Amino acid sequence: MEDSSEDKSSLRSVQHVILVLSGKGGVGKSTVASQLACTLYKMGMKVGLLDVDLCGPSIPRMMKLEAANVHQCSDGWVPVYTSSDQRLGVMSIGFLLSNRDEAVVWRGPKKNSMIKQFITDVCWGNLDYLIIDTPPGTSDEHITVVESLKHFNPDGAILVTTPQEVSVNDVRRELSFCHKTEVPVLGIIENMSGFICPHCSECSNVFSSGGGEALAKQCGVPFLGCIPLDPNLAKCLEEGEDFLQSFLESEASKSFNKIVTDLVYLGGRMNTSN
């Protein structure tokens, strides 16, 4: 009999699935993933944030959920919710480790098995959006994610880069990966695009600027926007605080709001055309 595991998966009740990818580590991929999820939540959506970066699970700390425990029900794992309204759920291998310093020393097959479980065995319920934070690069783990999602028609991938040429070149390879695996590219985000002075709010191009936008134009994919390097954002993520609420008028908050508004509009158009 043909395997119908996709019919049993909790992803059948998820309206939109978005992957967040980066060509290399250190570009702020998890920062972008967490803030996209938080922005969607603040817009009234019901959101899931799935962290499949097994060797570097930073999402629990960013969301101030490190002390949380994962529970199981008859249908699988129950996500950890950020508040009592249960509109923003999080799942990460970080919840399954005894402490934040524990290393995940697994061979490929065990990692792939865990990723498949995360994709199919988390009881998200009805979600408007599921944001999936992936490891950096284009490894076997990414292929497992893509293959596990193929039955659920994910919206596509958001690629995160910084302005430097070395990061932009790695994103070229990420674009190639998406094309080869037939994952639609929703667009490119340029993170750390200028430094916002906490005293005068002036923006300085510490790492240059424009690399992400130029790449998007060259490759014919949408450019979603720039996120400036904001010390307040870094501080809030370190302490698990709500940056979008505390710094509502910051340029970074405005950037996330515009990016998410555009994504929601795009998602609505996709639903209309289906």
Protein backbone atom coordinates (compact mmCIF):
# COMPACT_ATOMS: atom_id res chain seq x y z
CA MET A 1 0.00 0.00 0.00
CA GLU A 2 1.28 3.49 -0.83
CA ASP A 3 2.57 5.48 2.14
CA SER A 4 0.07 8.16 3.09
CA SER A 5 2.03 9.70 5.97
CA GLU A 6 1.32 13.14 4.58
CA ASP A 7 -2.40 12.60 5.27
CA LYS A 8 -1.63 12.01 8.95
CA SER A 9 0.69 14.96 9.37
CA SER A 10 -0.40 17.98 11.37
CA LEU A 11 0.85 20.12 8.47
CA ARG A 12 -2.41 19.41 6.69
CA SER A 13 -3.92 22.24 8.79
CA VAL A 14 -1.16 24.76 7.99
CA GLN A 15 -2.06 27.37 5.39
CA HIS A 16 1.43 28.67 4.56
CA VAL A 17 4.87 27.11 5.04
CA ILE A 18 7.97 29.29 4.62
CA LEU A 19 11.60 28.13 4.83
CA VAL A 20 14.29 30.52 6.01
CA LEU A 21 17.66 29.67 4.42
CA SER A 22 21.17 31.10 4.44
CA GLY A 23 24.26 30.20 2.47
CA LYS A 24 26.51 30.53 5.53
CA GLY A 25 26.30 30.84 9.29
CA GLY A 26 26.40 34.12 11.17
CA VAL A 27 24.18 36.15 8.86
CA GLY A 28 21.27 36.34 11.29
CA LYS A 29 19.04 33.65 9.78
CA SER A 30 17.52 32.65 13.13
CA THR A 31 17.07 36.31 14.05
CA VAL A 32 15.11 36.88 10.85
CA ALA A 33 13.06 33.68 11.30
CA SER A 34 12.10 34.54 14.89
CA GLN A 35 11.17 38.13 14.08
CA LEU A 36 9.14 37.13 11.03
CA ALA A 37 7.17 34.76 13.26
CA CYS A 38 6.72 37.42 15.95
CA THR A 39 5.60 40.02 13.40
CA LEU A 40 3.01 37.63 11.94
CA TYR A 41 1.79 36.93 15.47
CA LYS A 42 1.41 40.65 16.20
CA MET A 43 -0.64 40.96 13.01
CA GLY A 44 -3.17 38.54 14.51
CA MET A 45 -2.00 35.37 12.79
CA LYS A 46 -1.67 31.95 14.37
CA VAL A 47 1.97 31.02 13.83
CA GLY A 48 4.37 28.11 14.30
CA LEU A 49 8.16 28.50 14.49
CA LEU A 50 10.04 25.27 13.79
CA ASP A 51 13.78 25.18 14.49
CA VAL A 52 15.47 22.37 12.54
CA ASP A 53 18.99 23.73 13.03
CA LEU A 54 19.87 20.68 15.12
CA CYS A 55 23.46 21.63 15.89
CA GLY A 56 22.77 25.29 16.67
CA PRO A 57 19.27 25.58 18.16
CA SER A 58 19.14 29.24 19.17
CA ILE A 59 15.39 29.82 18.86
CA PRO A 60 14.45 28.76 22.44
CA ARG A 61 16.78 31.39 23.91
CA MET A 62 15.63 34.08 21.49
CA MET A 63 12.01 33.40 22.43
CA LYS A 64 12.76 33.18 26.19
CA LEU A 65 11.66 29.55 26.30
CA GLU A 66 14.85 27.77 27.38
CA ALA A 67 13.27 26.48 30.60
CA ALA A 68 10.26 25.00 28.78
CA ASN A 69 9.58 21.29 28.46
CA VAL A 70 8.04 19.53 25.49
CA HIS A 71 5.06 17.26 26.11
CA GLN A 72 3.54 14.55 23.97
CA CYS A 73 -0.03 13.72 23.20
CA SER A 74 -1.57 10.86 21.23
CA ASP A 75 -0.83 12.65 17.95
CA GLY A 76 2.77 13.65 18.66
CA TRP A 77 4.67 16.54 20.21
CA VAL A 78 2.85 19.57 21.56
CA PRO A 79 4.69 22.81 20.68
CA VAL A 80 5.77 25.23 23.39
CA TYR A 81 3.64 28.37 23.34
CA THR A 82 4.92 31.86 24.07
CA SER A 83 1.70 32.99 25.76
CA SER A 84 -1.62 31.72 27.06
CA ASP A 85 -3.46 32.60 23.83
CA GLN A 86 -1.53 29.77 22.10
CA ARG A 87 -1.14 31.70 18.84
CA LEU A 88 2.65 31.39 18.60
CA GLY A 89 4.00 27.88 19.04
CA VAL A 90 7.67 26.87 18.95
CA MET A 91 9.41 23.52 18.46
CA SER A 92 13.16 22.97 18.66
CA ILE A 93 15.60 20.24 19.56
CA GLY A 94 16.79 22.72 22.18
CA PHE A 95 13.78 21.68 24.28
CA LEU A 96 15.00 18.07 24.24
CA LEU A 97 18.56 18.77 25.45
CA SER A 98 19.52 18.68 29.12
CA ASN A 99 21.23 22.09 28.92
CA ARG A 100 22.11 24.77 26.37
CA ASP A 101 25.76 23.64 26.16
CA GLU A 102 24.97 20.03 25.19
CA ALA A 103 26.29 19.20 21.73
CA VAL A 104 24.26 17.21 19.23
CA VAL A 105 26.81 14.66 17.96
CA TRP A 106 24.74 12.64 15.53
CA ARG A 107 25.43 11.08 12.17
CA GLY A 108 23.39 12.06 9.15
CA PRO A 109 20.69 9.35 9.31
CA LYS A 110 19.77 10.20 12.90
CA LYS A 111 19.61 13.92 12.09
CA ASN A 112 17.41 13.23 9.07
CA SER A 113 15.11 11.03 11.13
CA MET A 114 14.68 13.78 13.72
CA ILE A 115 13.96 16.38 11.03
CA LYS A 116 11.28 14.12 9.52
CA GLN A 117 9.70 13.79 12.97
CA PHE A 118 9.71 17.55 13.43
CA ILE A 119 8.04 18.01 10.05
CA THR A 120 5.29 15.41 10.56
CA ASP A 121 4.83 14.78 14.30
CA VAL A 122 4.27 18.22 15.87
CA CYS A 123 0.65 18.99 16.71
CA TRP A 124 0.44 22.54 15.42
CA GLY A 125 -3.31 22.59 14.99
CA ASN A 126 -4.68 25.19 12.59
CA LEU A 127 -1.91 27.59 11.61
CA ASP A 128 -1.86 30.55 9.30
CA TYR A 129 1.95 30.38 8.92
CA LEU A 130 4.71 27.93 9.78
CA ILE A 131 8.20 29.47 9.68
CA ILE A 132 11.00 26.89 9.45
CA ASP A 133 14.49 27.94 10.56
CA THR A 134 17.01 25.69 8.80
CA PRO A 135 20.75 25.06 9.27
CA PRO A 136 23.16 27.17 7.20
CA GLY A 137 24.39 25.79 3.88
CA THR A 138 22.96 23.20 1.49
CA SER A 139 23.46 19.91 3.32
CA ASP A 140 21.72 16.56 3.38
CA GLU A 141 19.51 17.98 6.13
CA HIS A 142 18.11 20.56 3.72
CA ILE A 143 17.27 17.84 1.21
CA THR A 144 15.42 15.98 3.98
CA VAL A 145 13.43 19.10 4.85
CA VAL A 146 12.49 19.73 1.22
CA GLU A 147 11.54 16.10 0.55
CA SER A 148 9.47 15.93 3.74
CA LEU A 149 7.58 19.08 2.75
CA LYS A 150 6.95 18.31 -0.91
CA HIS A 151 3.48 16.86 -0.27
CA PHE A 152 2.38 20.06 1.49
CA ASN A 153 3.21 22.58 -1.26
CA PRO A 154 5.26 25.04 0.81
CA ASP A 155 5.04 28.67 -0.26
CA GLY A 156 8.80 28.77 -0.73
CA ALA A 157 12.03 30.02 0.79
CA ILE A 158 13.34 33.32 2.08
CA LEU A 159 17.12 33.68 1.69
CA VAL A 160 19.05 35.73 4.23
CA THR A 161 22.36 37.41 3.44
CA THR A 162 24.54 40.19 4.76
CA PRO A 163 25.88 42.88 2.39
CA GLN A 164 29.43 41.48 2.09
CA GLU A 165 30.42 39.78 -1.14
CA VAL A 166 31.42 36.54 0.61
CA SER A 167 27.90 36.17 2.03
CA VAL A 168 26.23 37.14 -1.25
CA ASN A 169 28.26 34.50 -3.11
CA ASP A 170 27.06 31.83 -0.68
CA VAL A 171 23.48 32.89 -1.31
CA ARG A 172 24.06 32.28 -5.02
CA ARG A 173 24.65 28.63 -4.12
CA GLU A 174 21.51 28.66 -1.99
CA LEU A 175 19.56 29.96 -4.98
CA SER A 176 21.00 27.14 -7.07
CA PHE A 177 19.89 24.65 -4.40
CA CYS A 178 16.34 26.02 -4.49
CA HIS A 179 16.20 25.78 -8.27
CA LYS A 180 17.51 22.20 -8.28
CA THR A 181 15.06 21.10 -5.57
CA GLU A 182 12.18 23.08 -7.12
CA VAL A 183 11.63 25.23 -4.03
CA PRO A 184 10.10 28.59 -4.99
CA VAL A 185 12.20 31.58 -3.89
CA LEU A 186 9.99 34.16 -2.18
CA GLY A 187 12.85 36.63 -2.00
CA ILE A 188 16.09 37.79 -0.44
CA ILE A 189 16.51 39.74 2.80
CA GLU A 190 19.69 41.73 3.41
CA ASN A 191 20.38 41.57 7.15
CA MET A 192 22.86 43.80 9.05
CA SER A 193 22.42 46.40 6.33
CA GLY A 194 23.94 49.40 8.05
CA PHE A 195 24.44 50.10 11.77
CA ILE A 196 21.86 52.14 13.68
CA CYS A 197 23.51 54.32 16.33
CA PRO A 198 21.58 53.86 19.62
CA HIS A 199 22.20 57.52 20.53
CA CYS A 200 21.47 59.50 17.36
CA SER A 201 19.75 56.84 15.18
CA GLU A 202 22.12 57.59 12.30
CA CYS A 203 22.76 54.64 9.96
CA SER A 204 26.35 53.80 8.99
CA ASN A 205 27.20 51.19 6.34
CA VAL A 206 29.66 49.16 8.42
CA PHE A 207 29.50 46.12 6.12
CA SER A 208 28.78 48.04 2.90
CA SER A 209 25.26 47.77 1.48
CA GLY A 210 23.23 46.77 -1.53
CA GLY A 211 24.72 43.32 -2.14
CA GLY A 212 21.47 41.49 -1.48
CA GLU A 213 19.39 43.78 -3.63
CA ALA A 214 21.90 43.60 -6.50
CA LEU A 215 21.90 39.79 -6.33
CA ALA A 216 18.10 39.66 -6.32
CA LYS A 217 17.96 41.87 -9.40
CA GLN A 218 20.67 39.86 -11.16
CA CYS A 219 18.96 36.53 -10.44
CA GLY A 220 15.44 37.73 -11.11
CA VAL A 221 14.03 37.08 -7.64
CA PRO A 222 12.20 39.54 -5.36
CA PHE A 223 14.17 41.68 -2.94
CA LEU A 224 12.14 41.76 0.27
CA GLY A 225 14.08 44.45 2.12
CA CYS A 226 16.95 45.45 4.39
CA ILE A 227 17.21 44.89 8.13
CA PRO A 228 19.67 47.30 9.81
CA LEU A 229 22.12 46.17 12.48
CA ASP A 230 20.38 47.39 15.64
CA PRO A 231 22.07 46.90 19.06
CA ASN A 232 18.64 46.88 20.69
CA LEU A 233 17.58 43.92 18.57
CA ALA A 234 20.71 41.97 19.54
CA LYS A 235 20.16 42.81 23.22
CA CYS A 236 16.51 41.77 23.15
CA LEU A 237 17.33 38.45 21.50
CA GLU A 238 20.06 37.74 24.06
CA GLU A 239 17.62 38.40 26.90
CA GLY A 240 14.56 36.88 25.23
CA GLU A 241 12.68 40.19 25.24
CA ASP A 242 10.05 41.40 22.78
CA PHE A 243 11.96 43.72 20.45
CA LEU A 244 9.00 44.51 18.23
CA GLN A 245 6.98 45.71 21.20
CA SER A 246 9.77 47.56 22.98
CA PHE A 247 11.14 49.30 19.90
CA LEU A 248 8.05 49.66 17.76
CA GLU A 249 9.30 52.76 15.94
CA SER A 250 12.80 51.46 15.21
CA GLU A 251 13.92 51.06 11.61
CA ALA A 252 14.37 47.31 12.13
CA SER A 253 10.79 46.93 13.39
CA LYS A 254 9.48 48.94 10.46
CA SER A 255 11.49 46.76 8.07
CA PHE A 256 10.09 43.53 9.51
CA ASN A 257 6.55 44.91 9.34
CA LYS A 258 6.93 45.88 5.69
CA ILE A 259 8.48 42.53 4.73
CA VAL A 260 5.74 40.56 6.49
CA THR A 261 2.98 42.76 5.06
CA ASP A 262 4.32 42.05 1.57
CA LEU A 263 4.55 38.31 2.31
CA VAL A 264 0.97 38.18 3.60
CA TYR A 265 -0.21 40.01 0.49
CA LEU A 266 1.74 37.57 -1.69
CA GLY A 267 0.29 34.62 0.25
CA GLY A 268 -3.21 35.97 -0.25
CA ARG A 269 -2.63 36.28 -3.98
CA MET A 270 -1.33 32.71 -4.07
CA ASN A 271 -4.47 31.44 -2.33
CA THR A 272 -6.68 33.37 -4.75
CA SER A 273 -4.92 31.93 -7.77
CA ASN A 274 -5.20 28.33 -6.52
